[in-house]
Protein backbone atom coordinates (compact mmCIF):
# COMPACT_ATOMS: atom_id res chain seq x y z
CA SER A 1 112.09 66.91 113.72
CA VAL A 2 112.46 68.89 116.91
CA GLY A 3 115.18 70.77 118.75
CA VAL A 4 115.03 72.53 122.11
CA PHE A 5 118.02 74.58 123.23
CA GLN A 6 118.75 77.08 125.98
CA ASP A 7 121.47 79.12 127.61
CA GLY A 8 121.54 80.40 131.17
CA THR A 9 124.43 82.83 130.86
CA THR A 10 124.16 86.59 130.56
CA GLN A 11 124.90 87.71 127.01
CA THR A 12 125.93 91.20 126.01
CA VAL A 13 126.68 93.06 122.82
CA SER A 14 128.50 96.31 122.10
CA GLN A 15 126.27 99.26 121.36
CA ASN A 16 125.03 99.40 117.74
CA THR A 17 126.70 96.13 116.72
CA SER A 18 125.08 92.77 116.12
CA ALA A 19 125.67 89.41 117.75
CA SER A 20 124.10 85.98 117.54
CA LEU A 21 122.63 84.30 120.58
CA THR A 22 124.58 81.25 121.66
CA PHE A 23 123.32 78.14 123.40
CA ASN A 24 125.04 75.86 125.89
CA THR A 25 122.33 73.29 126.67
CA THR A 26 120.50 70.89 124.38
CA ASP A 27 117.25 69.57 125.84
CA ILE A 28 116.09 67.75 122.70
CA ALA A 29 117.87 67.24 119.38
CA ASP A 30 115.96 65.05 116.94
CA GLY A 31 116.70 66.23 113.42
CA VAL A 32 117.52 69.75 114.62
CA THR A 33 120.91 70.29 116.25
CA LEU A 34 123.34 72.95 117.40
CA GLY A 35 126.09 73.65 114.91
CA THR A 36 129.50 75.26 115.11
CA PRO A 37 129.52 77.87 116.48
CA THR A 38 126.73 77.12 118.97
CA SER A 39 124.67 80.04 117.70
CA ARG A 40 123.75 77.95 114.65
CA ILE A 41 120.64 75.79 114.72
CA VAL A 42 120.86 73.25 111.90
CA VAL A 43 117.98 71.32 110.32
CA SER A 44 118.74 67.86 108.92
CA LYS A 45 115.63 67.48 106.75
CA THR A 46 113.91 69.74 104.24
CA GLY A 47 110.57 70.92 105.61
CA THR A 48 108.49 73.65 107.17
CA TYR A 49 109.50 74.52 110.72
CA ASN A 50 108.17 76.72 113.50
CA PHE A 51 111.11 78.49 115.16
CA GLN A 52 109.90 79.70 118.58
CA PHE A 53 111.92 81.61 121.09
CA SER A 54 111.68 83.47 124.37
CA ILE A 55 114.39 85.65 125.85
CA GLN A 56 114.49 87.84 128.90
CA ILE A 57 115.90 91.26 128.07
CA ALA A 58 117.04 93.46 130.93
CA ILE A 59 118.57 96.86 131.49
CA ALA A 60 121.44 96.63 133.95
CA THR A 61 121.56 100.34 134.83
CA GLY A 62 120.75 103.71 133.37
CA ALA A 63 118.19 105.07 130.97
CA ASN A 64 115.74 103.31 128.66
CA GLY A 65 117.09 101.30 125.75
CA THR A 66 115.95 99.31 122.75
CA ALA A 67 116.93 95.80 121.69
CA TYR A 68 116.52 94.65 118.08
CA ILE A 69 115.97 90.96 117.35
CA TRP A 70 115.90 89.26 113.95
CA LEU A 71 116.42 85.96 112.15
CA ARG A 72 119.46 85.06 110.05
CA LYS A 73 119.45 82.10 107.63
CA ASN A 74 122.70 80.63 106.30
CA GLY A 75 124.56 83.81 107.27
CA VAL A 76 122.09 86.22 105.61
CA ASP A 77 119.60 88.40 107.52
CA VAL A 78 116.01 87.40 106.75
CA PRO A 79 114.01 90.44 105.54
CA ASP A 80 111.08 91.68 107.61
CA THR A 81 112.04 89.76 110.78
CA ASP A 82 113.53 92.66 112.77
CA THR A 83 111.53 93.66 115.84
CA LYS A 84 112.26 96.40 118.38
CA VAL A 85 111.78 95.84 122.10
CA THR A 86 112.06 98.82 124.42
CA VAL A 87 113.21 98.24 127.99
CA GLN A 88 112.33 100.98 130.47
CA SER A 89 114.59 101.82 133.39
CA ASN A 90 111.58 101.71 135.75
CA ASN A 91 110.55 98.28 134.39
CA PRO A 92 113.94 96.67 133.78
CA TYR A 93 112.85 93.20 132.55
CA VAL A 94 110.98 92.33 129.36
CA VAL A 95 110.33 88.83 128.03
CA SER A 96 110.20 88.70 124.26
CA ALA A 97 108.72 85.68 122.53
CA TRP A 98 107.57 85.05 119.01
CA ASN A 99 107.63 82.56 116.15
CA PHE A 100 109.23 82.44 112.72
CA VAL A 101 107.63 79.88 110.39
CA GLY A 102 109.52 78.98 107.23
CA THR A 103 110.55 76.24 104.86
CA TYR A 104 114.18 75.20 105.09
CA ASN A 105 116.39 72.79 103.18
CA ALA A 106 118.45 70.02 104.73
CA ASN A 107 121.59 71.49 106.36
CA ASP A 108 120.25 75.07 106.44
CA TYR A 109 121.14 76.86 109.64
CA LEU A 110 119.38 79.65 111.48
CA GLN A 111 120.67 82.14 114.01
CA LEU A 112 118.78 84.50 116.28
CA MET A 113 120.52 87.87 116.06
CA TRP A 114 120.33 90.93 118.29
CA SER A 115 121.71 94.41 118.80
CA THR A 116 120.98 97.36 121.07
CA ASP A 117 121.27 101.13 121.18
CA ASN A 118 122.22 100.99 124.88
CA VAL A 119 125.27 99.11 126.15
CA ASN A 120 123.40 98.46 129.43
CA ILE A 121 120.85 96.20 127.69
CA ILE A 122 121.63 92.53 128.36
CA LEU A 123 120.10 89.13 127.79
CA ASN A 124 119.58 88.20 131.39
CA SER A 125 120.87 84.97 132.89
CA SER A 126 117.70 83.25 134.04
CA ASN A 127 115.80 80.11 133.20
CA LEU A 128 113.58 82.13 130.87
CA LEU A 129 116.54 83.24 128.84
CA LYS A 130 117.09 82.07 125.32
CA ASN A 131 114.76 79.13 125.11
CA ILE A 132 114.51 77.95 121.51
CA ASN A 133 111.97 75.41 120.35
CA PHE A 134 112.22 74.30 116.74
CA TYR A 135 109.42 72.10 115.35
């Protein structure tokens, strides 16, 4: 099973609130698909999967800020997946990429969540933004 999804729009979130990344393009969907809403990535078969992502985080204006990124499974935050990424005003673009490996049941869904302590932090609209590979 494999799924590859992306989104080229700028995504924002209110300060100190959480949001799920959404996707508007499916490159490959073979046993892994986008659900409803399009922030949900659904597996059709029970198995162990490698959930890979890369996102470009930017600071639109102003002082340094931190983005927090974590995994949510079936609507519940997955413990120990939260990671902080600091974006500096003098280096306003950071690409974050890592993997989550886990065993999932058929029809489980995953979401990539994020929040920020600075309203000027955005997920930048570029080709690097929000690429998800699910194997």
